[in-house]
C-alpha atoms as a PDB file:
ATOM      1  CA  MET A   1     -50.661-187.215 101.654  1.00  0.00           C
ATOM      2  CA  HIS A   2     -50.077-186.791  97.973  1.00  0.00           C
ATOM      3  CA  SER A   3     -48.864-183.525  98.473  1.00  0.00           C
ATOM      4  CA  MET A   4     -46.581-184.914 101.532  1.00  0.00           C
ATOM      5  CA  THR A   5     -45.192-187.135  99.106  1.00  0.00           C
ATOM      6  CA  VAL A   6     -44.354-184.592  96.275  1.00  0.00           C
ATOM      7  CA  LYS A   7     -42.992-182.220  99.103  1.00  0.00           C
ATOM      8  CA  ASN A   8     -40.745-185.075 100.288  1.00  0.00           C
ATOM      9  CA  THR A   9     -39.731-186.114  96.923  1.00  0.00           C
ATOM     10  CA  SER A  10     -39.114-182.721  95.785  1.00  0.00           C
ATOM     11  CA  ALA A  11     -36.788-182.320  99.051  1.00  0.00           C
ATOM     12  CA  LEU A  12     -34.727-185.115  98.592  1.00  0.00           C
ATOM     13  CA  VAL A  13     -34.117-184.634  94.806  1.00  0.00           C
ATOM     14  CA  PHE A  14     -32.998-180.949  96.017  1.00  0.00           C
ATOM     15  CA  ALA A  15     -30.656-182.410  98.868  1.00  0.00           C
ATOM     16  CA  ILE A  16     -29.326-184.982  96.202  1.00  0.00           C
ATOM     17  CA  LEU A  17     -28.717-182.322  93.758  1.00  0.00           C
ATOM     18  CA  LEU A  18     -27.307-179.984  96.340  1.00  0.00           C
ATOM     19  CA  ALA A  19     -24.932-182.953  97.176  1.00  0.00           C
ATOM     20  CA  CYS A  20     -23.865-183.270  93.975  1.00  0.00           C
ATOM     21  CA  SER A  21     -23.363-179.596  93.706  1.00  0.00           C
ATOM     22  CA  CYS A  22     -20.965-180.034  96.446  1.00  0.00           C
ATOM     23  CA  ASN A  23     -18.720-182.211  94.902  1.00  0.00           C
ATOM     24  CA  ILE A  24     -19.790-185.593  96.234  1.00  0.00           C
ATOM     25  CA  VAL A  25     -21.214-186.421  93.136  1.00  0.00           C
ATOM     26  CA  GLY A  26     -18.562-188.984  92.395  1.00  0.00           C
ATOM     27  CA  LYS A  27     -19.508-190.792  95.564  1.00  0.00           C
ATOM     28  CA  LEU A  28     -23.255-190.956  95.045  1.00  0.00           C
ATOM     29  CA  VAL A  29     -22.939-192.121  91.095  1.00  0.00           C
ATOM     30  CA  HIS A  30     -20.476-195.097  92.609  1.00  0.00           C
ATOM     31  CA  ASP A  31     -22.778-195.949  95.037  1.00  0.00           C
ATOM     32  CA  ASP A  32     -25.521-196.334  92.135  1.00  0.00           C
ATOM     33  CA  GLN A  33     -28.258-194.419  94.221  1.00  0.00           C
ATOM     34  CA  VAL A  34     -31.962-194.812  93.396  1.00  0.00           C
ATOM     35  CA  VAL A  35     -33.721-191.914  92.974  1.00  0.00           C
ATOM     36  CA  ALA A  36     -37.183-193.415  92.065  1.00  0.00           C
ATOM     37  CA  LYS A  37     -38.821-196.508  91.235  1.00  0.00           C
ATOM     38  CA  VAL A  38     -41.859-197.403  89.389  1.00  0.00           C
ATOM     39  CA  GLY A  39     -42.609-201.286  89.999  1.00  0.00           C
ATOM     40  CA  LYS A  40     -39.329-203.398  89.785  1.00  0.00           C
ATOM     41  CA  GLU A  41     -37.701-200.556  87.259  1.00  0.00           C
ATOM     42  CA  LYS A  42     -35.444-197.945  89.018  1.00  0.00           C
ATOM     43  CA  LEU A  43     -34.079-194.508  88.145  1.00  0.00           C
ATOM     44  CA  TYR A  44     -30.645-194.002  89.028  1.00  0.00           C
ATOM     45  CA  LEU A  45     -28.765-190.514  89.796  1.00  0.00           C
ATOM     46  CA  SER A  46     -26.226-191.517  87.166  1.00  0.00           C
ATOM     47  CA  GLU A  47     -29.270-191.355  84.759  1.00  0.00           C
ATOM     48  CA  LEU A  48     -30.671-188.178  86.458  1.00  0.00           C
ATOM     49  CA  ALA A  49     -27.038-186.242  86.413  1.00  0.00           C
ATOM     50  CA  ASP A  50     -26.926-186.903  82.713  1.00  0.00           C
ATOM     51  CA  TYR A  51     -30.118-184.583  82.396  1.00  0.00           C
ATOM     52  CA  ILE A  52     -29.464-181.610  84.475  1.00  0.00           C
ATOM     53  CA  PRO A  53     -26.682-179.076  82.683  1.00  0.00           C
ATOM     54  CA  ALA A  54     -23.414-178.395  84.271  1.00  0.00           C
ATOM     55  CA  GLY A  55     -23.542-175.156  86.371  1.00  0.00           C
ATOM     56  CA  SER A  56     -27.012-175.262  87.273  1.00  0.00           C
ATOM     57  CA  SER A  57     -28.091-174.102  90.692  1.00  0.00           C
ATOM     58  CA  PRO A  58     -29.210-176.370  93.405  1.00  0.00           C
ATOM     59  CA  GLU A  59     -32.827-174.968  92.925  1.00  0.00           C
ATOM     60  CA  ASP A  60     -32.877-175.244  89.291  1.00  0.00           C
ATOM     61  CA  SER A  61     -31.026-178.401  89.403  1.00  0.00           C
ATOM     62  CA  ALA A  62     -33.877-179.639  91.615  1.00  0.00           C
ATOM     63  CA  SER A  63     -36.801-178.681  89.552  1.00  0.00           C
ATOM     64  CA  LEU A  64     -35.214-180.095  86.290  1.00  0.00           C
ATOM     65  CA  ALA A  65     -34.952-183.382  88.384  1.00  0.00           C
ATOM     66  CA  LEU A  66     -38.483-183.267  89.489  1.00  0.00           C
ATOM     67  CA  GLN A  67     -39.491-182.984  85.909  1.00  0.00           C
ATOM     68  CA  TYR A  68     -37.500-185.644  84.594  1.00  0.00           C
ATOM     69  CA  ILE A  69     -38.725-188.036  87.239  1.00  0.00           C
ATOM     70  CA  ASN A  70     -42.136-187.164  86.179  1.00  0.00           C
ATOM     71  CA  SER A  71     -41.819-187.815  83.082  1.00  0.00           C
ATOM     72  CA  TRP A  72     -39.607-191.035  83.586  1.00  0.00           C
ATOM     73  CA  ALA A  73     -42.464-192.404  85.963  1.00  0.00           C
ATOM     74  CA  SER A  74     -45.536-191.039  83.846  1.00  0.00           C
ATOM     75  CA  GLU A  75     -44.095-193.338  80.815  1.00  0.00           C
ATOM     76  CA  ARG A  76     -43.791-196.360  83.003  1.00  0.00           C
ATOM     77  CA  LEU A  77     -47.268-195.872  84.332  1.00  0.00           C
ATOM     78  CA  TYR A  78     -48.748-195.528  81.082  1.00  0.00           C
ATOM     79  CA  VAL A  79     -47.311-198.637  79.858  1.00  0.00           C
ATOM     80  CA  LYS A  80     -48.222-200.371  83.188  1.00  0.00           C
ATOM     81  CA  ALA A  81     -52.193-198.878  82.775  1.00  0.00           C
ATOM     82  CA  ALA A  82     -52.182-200.061  79.106  1.00  0.00           C
ATOM     83  CA  GLU A  83     -51.293-203.585  80.071  1.00  0.00           C
ATOM     84  CA  ARG A  84     -53.770-204.158  82.439  1.00  0.00           C
ATOM     85  CA  GLY A  85     -56.559-202.121  80.889  1.00  0.00           C
ATOM     86  CA  LEU A  86     -56.066-203.645  77.390  1.00  0.00           C
ATOM     87  CA  SER A  87     -57.159-206.934  75.875  1.00  0.00           C
ATOM     88  CA  LYS A  88     -54.598-209.253  74.916  1.00  0.00           C
ATOM     89  CA  GLU A  89     -55.172-208.855  71.076  1.00  0.00           C
ATOM     90  CA  GLU A  90     -54.896-204.837  71.906  1.00  0.00           C
ATOM     91  CA  LYS A  91     -51.612-205.274  73.229  1.00  0.00           C
ATOM     92  CA  ASN A  92     -50.468-207.325  70.313  1.00  0.00           C
ATOM     93  CA  VAL A  93     -48.335-204.726  68.390  1.00  0.00           C
ATOM     94  CA  SER A  94     -45.815-206.985  66.420  1.00  0.00           C
ATOM     95  CA  ALA A  95     -47.448-206.042  63.311  1.00  0.00           C
ATOM     96  CA  GLU A  96     -47.235-202.628  63.795  1.00  0.00           C
ATOM     97  CA  LEU A  97     -43.559-202.849  65.190  1.00  0.00           C
ATOM     98  CA  GLU A  98     -42.867-204.701  61.943  1.00  0.00           C
ATOM     99  CA  ALA A  99     -43.971-201.949  59.565  1.00  0.00           C
ATOM    100  CA  TYR A 100     -42.134-199.348  61.554  1.00  0.00           C
ATOM    101  CA  ARG A 101     -39.460-201.557  61.164  1.00  0.00           C
ATOM    102  CA  ARG A 102     -39.793-202.093  57.444  1.00  0.00           C
ATOM    103  CA  SER A 103     -40.578-198.029  57.060  1.00  0.00           C
ATOM    104  CA  LEU A 104     -37.707-196.898  59.526  1.00  0.00           C
ATOM    105  CA  LEU A 105     -35.293-199.485  57.400  1.00  0.00           C
ATOM    106  CA  GLY A 106     -36.566-198.517  53.829  1.00  0.00           C
ATOM    107  CA  TYR A 107     -36.558-194.531  54.734  1.00  0.00           C
ATOM    108  CA  LYS A 108     -32.539-194.847  56.009  1.00  0.00           C
ATOM    109  CA  TYR A 109     -31.526-196.704  53.133  1.00  0.00           C
ATOM    110  CA  GLU A 110     -33.174-194.163  50.807  1.00  0.00           C
ATOM    111  CA  GLN A 111     -31.277-191.500  52.472  1.00  0.00           C
ATOM    112  CA  HIS A 112     -28.266-193.624  52.265  1.00  0.00           C
ATOM    113  CA  TYR A 113     -29.003-194.311  48.284  1.00  0.00           C
ATOM    114  CA  ILE A 114     -29.595-190.446  47.627  1.00  0.00           C
ATOM    115  CA  ASN A 115     -26.504-189.290  49.488  1.00  0.00           C
ATOM    116  CA  ASP A 116     -24.375-191.269  47.387  1.00  0.00           C
ATOM    117  CA  ARG A 117     -25.898-190.648  43.877  1.00  0.00           C
ATOM    118  CA  LEU A 118     -27.490-187.197  44.370  1.00  0.00           C
ATOM    119  CA  ASP A 119     -25.774-184.525  41.909  1.00  0.00           C
ATOM    120  CA  THR A 120     -25.828-181.243  43.956  1.00  0.00           C
ATOM    121  CA  LEU A 121     -24.014-178.984  41.133  1.00  0.00           C
ATOM    122  CA  ILE A 122     -26.520-176.800  39.726  1.00  0.00           C
ATOM    123  CA  THR A 123     -25.845-174.412  36.849  1.00  0.00           C
ATOM    124  CA  ASN A 124     -26.821-171.084  36.012  1.00  0.00           C
ATOM    125  CA  ALA A 125     -27.880-172.085  32.929  1.00  0.00           C
ATOM    126  CA  GLN A 126     -30.265-175.134  34.905  1.00  0.00           C
ATOM    127  CA  THR A 127     -31.602-172.549  36.956  1.00  0.00           C
ATOM    128  CA  GLU A 128     -32.165-170.406  34.297  1.00  0.00           C
ATOM    129  CA  ALA A 129     -34.239-172.824  32.272  1.00  0.00           C
ATOM    130  CA  TYR A 130     -36.075-173.739  35.622  1.00  0.00           C
ATOM    131  CA  TYR A 131     -36.992-170.232  35.930  1.00  0.00           C
ATOM    132  CA  ASN A 132     -38.071-169.531  32.760  1.00  0.00           C
ATOM    133  CA  SER A 133     -40.243-172.990  32.750  1.00  0.00           C
ATOM    134  CA  HIS A 134     -42.229-172.023  36.270  1.00  0.00           C
ATOM    135  CA  ARG A 135     -43.204-168.578  35.705  1.00  0.00           C
ATOM    136  CA  GLU A 136     -46.541-169.084  37.421  1.00  0.00           C
ATOM    137  CA  ALA A 137     -45.213-171.057  40.277  1.00  0.00           C
ATOM    138  CA  LEU A 138     -42.660-168.308  40.871  1.00  0.00           C
ATOM    139  CA  GLU A 139     -45.118-165.352  41.091  1.00  0.00           C
ATOM    140  CA  LEU A 140     -45.024-163.157  43.777  1.00  0.00           C
ATOM    141  CA  PRO A 141     -46.825-163.343  46.812  1.00  0.00           C
ATOM    142  CA  ARG A 142     -46.106-160.212  48.433  1.00  0.00           C
ATOM    143  CA  PRO A 143     -44.645-156.765  47.055  1.00  0.00           C
ATOM    144  CA  ILE A 144     -40.394-157.186  47.629  1.00  0.00           C
ATOM    145  CA  LEU A 145     -38.217-154.341  48.038  1.00  0.00           C
ATOM    146  CA  LYS A 146     -34.415-152.952  47.783  1.00  0.00           C
ATOM    147  CA  LEU A 147     -34.186-150.642  50.351  1.00  0.00           C
ATOM    148  CA  ARG A 148     -32.165-148.942  53.119  1.00  0.00           C
ATOM    149  CA  PHE A 149     -33.310-148.356  56.681  1.00  0.00           C
ATOM    150  CA  VAL A 150     -33.020-146.507  59.838  1.00  0.00           C
ATOM    151  CA  ASP A 151     -34.377-146.578  63.147  1.00  0.00           C
ATOM    152  CA  ILE A 152     -32.938-143.162  65.201  1.00  0.00           C
ATOM    153  CA  MET A 153     -34.332-140.875  67.819  1.00  0.00           C
ATOM    154  CA  SER A 154     -36.454-138.285  66.397  1.00  0.00           C
ATOM    155  CA  ASP A 155     -34.634-135.442  68.620  1.00  0.00           C
ATOM    156  CA  SER A 156     -31.025-136.491  67.203  1.00  0.00           C
ATOM    157  CA  PRO A 157     -29.108-134.198  66.057  1.00  0.00           C
ATOM    158  CA  ASN A 158     -28.147-136.335  63.091  1.00  0.00           C
ATOM    159  CA  TYR A 159     -31.702-136.903  62.348  1.00  0.00           C
ATOM    160  CA  ASN A 160     -31.692-134.777  58.746  1.00  0.00           C
ATOM    161  CA  GLU A 161     -28.614-135.350  57.786  1.00  0.00           C
ATOM    162  CA  ILE A 162     -29.052-139.148  57.736  1.00  0.00           C
ATOM    163  CA  LEU A 163     -32.319-139.208  56.362  1.00  0.00           C
ATOM    164  CA  GLY A 164     -30.787-137.166  53.376  1.00  0.00           C
ATOM    165  CA  LYS A 165     -27.924-139.649  52.947  1.00  0.00           C
ATOM    166  CA  LEU A 166     -30.458-142.762  52.784  1.00  0.00           C
ATOM    167  CA  PRO A 167     -30.354-142.496  49.110  1.00  0.00           C
ATOM    168  CA  SER A 168     -26.892-142.186  48.487  1.00  0.00           C
ATOM    169  CA  ASP A 169     -25.307-144.355  46.346  1.00  0.00           C
ATOM    170  CA  SER A 170     -21.510-143.178  45.987  1.00  0.00           C
ATOM    171  CA  GLY A 171     -18.793-144.146  48.121  1.00  0.00           C
ATOM    172  CA  SER A 172     -17.819-141.087  50.189  1.00  0.00           C
ATOM    173  CA  ALA A 173     -21.816-140.092  51.144  1.00  0.00           C
ATOM    174  CA  LEU A 174     -22.142-144.143  52.112  1.00  0.00           C
ATOM    175  CA  GLU A 175     -19.072-143.766  54.170  1.00  0.00           C
ATOM    176  CA  ASP A 176     -20.441-140.573  55.703  1.00  0.00           C
ATOM    177  CA  LEU A 177     -23.812-142.457  56.517  1.00  0.00           C
ATOM    178  CA  ASP A 178     -22.168-145.424  57.847  1.00  0.00           C
ATOM    179  CA  SER A 179     -20.146-143.115  60.458  1.00  0.00           C
ATOM    180  CA  LEU A 180     -23.383-141.220  61.247  1.00  0.00           C
ATOM    181  CA  VAL A 181     -25.717-144.223  62.056  1.00  0.00           C
ATOM    182  CA  HIS A 182     -22.677-145.630  63.910  1.00  0.00           C
ATOM    183  CA  VAL A 183     -22.966-142.803  66.799  1.00  0.00           C
ATOM    184  CA  SER A 184     -26.577-141.988  66.193  1.00  0.00           C
ATOM    185  CA  ALA A 185     -28.968-144.917  64.952  1.00  0.00           C
ATOM    186  CA  LEU A 186     -30.858-147.411  67.483  1.00  0.00           C
ATOM    187  CA  ARG A 187     -30.891-150.046  64.292  1.00  0.00           C
ATOM    188  CA  TYR A 188     -29.521-149.978  60.601  1.00  0.00           C
ATOM    189  CA  PHE A 189     -29.521-152.320  57.636  1.00  0.00           C
ATOM    190  CA  ASP A 190     -28.621-151.717  53.874  1.00  0.00           C
ATOM    191  CA  SER A 191     -30.417-154.089  51.590  1.00  0.00           C
ATOM    192  CA  SER A 192     -30.328-151.670  49.058  1.00  0.00           C
ATOM    193  CA  GLN A 193     -28.600-154.439  46.477  1.00  0.00           C
ATOM    194  CA  GLU A 194     -30.824-157.319  47.805  1.00  0.00           C
ATOM    195  CA  TRP A 195     -34.440-157.926  47.673  1.00  0.00           C
ATOM    196  CA  VAL A 196     -36.269-158.260  50.805  1.00  0.00           C
ATOM    197  CA  ASP A 197     -40.089-159.546  51.142  1.00  0.00           C
ATOM    198  CA  ALA A 198     -42.213-156.621  52.235  1.00  0.00           C
ATOM    199  CA  ALA A 199     -43.623-158.646  55.288  1.00  0.00           C
ATOM    200  CA  VAL A 200     -40.008-158.992  56.372  1.00  0.00           C
ATOM    201  CA  ALA A 201     -39.385-155.405  56.135  1.00  0.00           C
ATOM    202  CA  ALA A 202     -42.743-154.250  57.648  1.00  0.00           C
ATOM    203  CA  ARG A 203     -41.673-156.076  60.928  1.00  0.00           C
ATOM    204  CA  GLU A 204     -38.896-153.421  61.330  1.00  0.00           C
ATOM    205  CA  PHE A 205     -41.195-150.689  61.167  1.00  0.00           C
ATOM    206  CA  GLY A 206     -43.774-152.701  63.555  1.00  0.00           C
ATOM    207  CA  LEU A 207     -46.631-152.549  60.773  1.00  0.00           C
ATOM    208  CA  ASP A 208     -48.360-155.040  58.481  1.00  0.00           C
ATOM    209  CA  TYR A 209     -46.742-154.731  55.013  1.00  0.00           C
ATOM    210  CA  ASN A 210     -49.984-153.033  53.542  1.00  0.00           C
ATOM    211  CA  THR A 211     -49.593-150.135  55.834  1.00  0.00           C
ATOM    212  CA  MET A 212     -45.916-149.784  55.566  1.00  0.00           C
ATOM    213  CA  LEU A 213     -46.520-149.305  51.754  1.00  0.00           C
ATOM    214  CA  SER A 214     -48.879-147.033  51.886  1.00  0.00           C
ATOM    215  CA  LYS A 215     -46.567-144.399  53.660  1.00  0.00           C
ATOM    216  CA  LEU A 216     -44.321-144.612  50.944  1.00  0.00           C
ATOM    217  CA  GLN A 217     -43.900-141.353  49.143  1.00  0.00           C
ATOM    218  CA  ASN A 218     -40.899-139.860  47.202  1.00  0.00           C
ATOM    219  CA  GLY A 219     -39.044-142.831  47.618  1.00  0.00           C
ATOM    220  CA  PHE A 220     -39.117-142.830  51.546  1.00  0.00           C
ATOM    221  CA  ILE A 221     -41.081-144.639  53.891  1.00  0.00           C
ATOM    222  CA  ILE A 222     -41.399-142.616  57.381  1.00  0.00           C
ATOM    223  CA  HIS A 223     -43.303-144.148  60.256  1.00  0.00           C
ATOM    224  CA  GLU A 224     -42.941-141.688  63.511  1.00  0.00           C
ATOM    225  CA  LEU A 225     -43.256-143.370  66.907  1.00  0.00           C
ATOM    226  CA  GLU A 226     -44.622-140.390  69.074  1.00  0.00           C
ATOM    227  CA  ASP A 227     -44.672-142.143  72.092  1.00  0.00           C
ATOM    228  CA  ARG A 228     -41.268-143.524  71.949  1.00  0.00           C
ATOM    229  CA  GLY A 229     -39.999-140.173  70.539  1.00  0.00           C
ATOM    230  CA  GLU A 230     -38.308-142.491  67.400  1.00  0.00           C
ATOM    231  CA  THR A 231     -38.788-142.685  63.900  1.00  0.00           C
ATOM    232  CA  ARG A 232     -38.255-145.493  61.562  1.00  0.00           C
ATOM    233  CA  ALA A 233     -37.134-144.506  58.062  1.00  0.00           C
ATOM    234  CA  ALA A 234     -36.269-146.336  54.865  1.00  0.00           C
ATOM    235  CA  TYR A 235     -35.335-145.030  51.421  1.00  0.00           C
ATOM    236  CA  VAL A 236     -36.934-147.768  48.920  1.00  0.00           C
ATOM    237  CA  PHE A 237     -34.855-148.014  45.573  1.00  0.00           C
ATOM    238  CA  ASP A 238     -36.756-150.313  43.806  1.00  0.00           C
ATOM    239  CA  ILE A 239     -40.059-152.089  44.444  1.00  0.00           C
ATOM    240  CA  ARG A 240     -41.645-154.952  42.556  1.00  0.00           C
ATOM    241  CA  ARG A 241     -45.317-155.270  43.675  1.00  0.00           C
ATOM    242  CA  THR A 242     -46.482-158.056  41.424  1.00  0.00           C
ATOM    243  CA  GLY A 243     -45.560-160.659  38.413  1.00  0.00           C
ATOM    244  CA  GLN A 244     -42.877-163.060  38.622  1.00  0.00           C
ATOM    245  CA  ALA A 245     -40.410-162.847  41.230  1.00  0.00           C
ATOM    246  CA  PRO A 246     -36.770-161.453  39.991  1.00  0.00           C
ATOM    247  CA  LEU A 247     -34.353-164.446  39.046  1.00  0.00           C
ATOM    248  CA  GLU A 248     -31.909-163.484  41.970  1.00  0.00           C
ATOM    249  CA  TYR A 249     -34.899-163.410  44.426  1.00  0.00           C
ATOM    250  CA  CYS A 250     -35.924-166.761  43.985  1.00  0.00           C
ATOM    251  CA  ARG A 251     -32.308-168.326  43.272  1.00  0.00           C
ATOM    252  CA  ASN A 252     -32.284-170.259  46.319  1.00  0.00           C
ATOM    253  CA  SER A 253     -35.614-171.554  46.201  1.00  0.00           C
ATOM    254  CA  ILE A 254     -35.135-173.088  42.522  1.00  0.00           C
ATOM    255  CA  ARG A 255     -31.990-174.612  43.806  1.00  0.00           C
ATOM    256  CA  ASP A 256     -33.808-176.287  46.181  1.00  0.00           C
ATOM    257  CA  ASN A 257     -36.468-177.149  43.644  1.00  0.00           C
ATOM    258  CA  ILE A 258     -34.539-178.614  41.326  1.00  0.00           C
ATOM    259  CA  LEU A 259     -32.754-180.940  43.959  1.00  0.00           C
ATOM    260  CA  ILE A 260     -36.181-181.921  45.574  1.00  0.00           C
ATOM    261  CA  GLU A 261     -36.746-182.972  41.773  1.00  0.00           C
ATOM    262  CA  ARG A 262     -33.528-185.212  41.294  1.00  0.00           C
ATOM    263  CA  LYS A 263     -34.269-186.616  44.879  1.00  0.00           C
ATOM    264  CA  ARG A 264     -37.813-187.972  43.549  1.00  0.00           C
ATOM    265  CA  ASP A 265     -36.404-189.109  40.076  1.00  0.00           C
ATOM    266  CA  LEU A 266     -33.760-190.908  42.491  1.00  0.00           C
ATOM    267  CA  LEU A 267     -36.408-192.390  44.425  1.00  0.00           C
ATOM    268  CA  ARG A 268     -38.407-193.167  41.477  1.00  0.00           C
ATOM    269  CA  ASN A 269     -35.472-195.162  39.639  1.00  0.00           C
ATOM    270  CA  LEU A 270     -34.826-196.993  43.088  1.00  0.00           C
ATOM    271  CA  GLU A 271     -38.094-198.475  43.121  1.00  0.00           C
ATOM    272  CA  GLN A 272     -38.220-199.205  39.623  1.00  0.00           C
ATOM    273  CA  ASP A 273     -34.848-200.813  39.608  1.00  0.00           C
ATOM    274  CA  LEU A 274     -35.532-202.822  42.599  1.00  0.00           C
ATOM    275  CA  LEU A 275     -38.862-204.199  41.205  1.00  0.00           C
ATOM    276  CA  THR A 276     -37.444-205.017  37.826  1.00  0.00           C
ATOM    277  CA  ASN A 277     -34.280-206.928  39.363  1.00  0.00           C
ATOM    278  CA  ALA A 278     -36.432-208.724  41.807  1.00  0.00           C
ATOM    279  CA  LEU A 279     -38.927-210.072  38.741  1.00  0.00           C
ATOM    280  CA  GLU A 280     -35.995-210.941  36.844  1.00  0.00           C
ATOM    281  CA  SER A 281     -34.197-212.575  39.260  1.00  0.00           C
ATOM    282  CA  LYS A 282     -37.751-214.491  40.559  1.00  0.00           C
ATOM    283  CA  GLU A 283     -36.908-213.144  44.007  1.00  0.00           C
ATOM    284  CA  PHE A 284     -40.346-211.164  43.185  1.00  0.00           C
ATOM    285  CA  VAL A 285     -43.203-213.439  41.564  1.00  0.00           C
ATOM    286  CA  ILE A 286     -46.533-212.616  40.994  1.00  0.00           C
ATOM    287  CA  TYR A 287     -48.823-215.042  40.283  1.00  0.00           C
ATOM    288  CA  GLN A 288     -51.551-215.149  37.725  1.00  0.00           C
ATOM    289  CA  GLN A 289     -55.292-215.343  39.204  1.00  0.00           C
ATOM    290  CA  ASN A 290     -57.870-218.087  37.322  1.00  0.00           C
ATOM    291  CA  GLU A 291     -60.635-216.243  36.633  1.00  0.00           C
END
């Protein structure tokens, strides 16, 4: 009996969505058609239609509609089960709701307060001061590299020329390299002027970063995928294996950290101001306890 109900429901939903796709949705919505019911609560086609992306096929629409109907019904059935199975005391959630309301209002006010007062201007001097005073926190967790990467078929007629031009730093040689990789490379990127996390670079090779770095010889990392007939190669212009990260590498994270500290300071000041002002105005009173 249960399987027949699901089957019939699916067929009904499919029929409704098929009708919608045939441009009669206006009539159905106007008629306020009920698609499902749990107790006295009803789900209407207009609510269901909002959940179905425009342009969905009737089959996809029916599947999505049934998912939504089941989710809608489950939510209400859980509540009904809780109302039947919980004691009066357990069903009394007024204290939790009030705590949540206070927390939500407090959070919204904090965001409003911060947005009105947060200074987002961070100077180079402030960035450098943070960098110099947080050396241990800015230690490199992994090596970082500046490199130029190419993925090319091993039998490409331009294979040797492209690999030979990877270390180029002159304008004309780089223009030649760009032209060659445009017609011959499967993938190519140039991070010779910016630092890249070794783990990120290693993903381009399909390796872990330790294995990738073990292949570094004379500035080149070359990884041949014989089963695919391709070679993934990079020329490494610079590498930092340990120590404090270069300033240019961690500039964005420094900015984020400075803003986080400013937000914390604002919130500490907000809390202190609220307490001080309320105490002074007698809105907040602390009663002395007799020993």
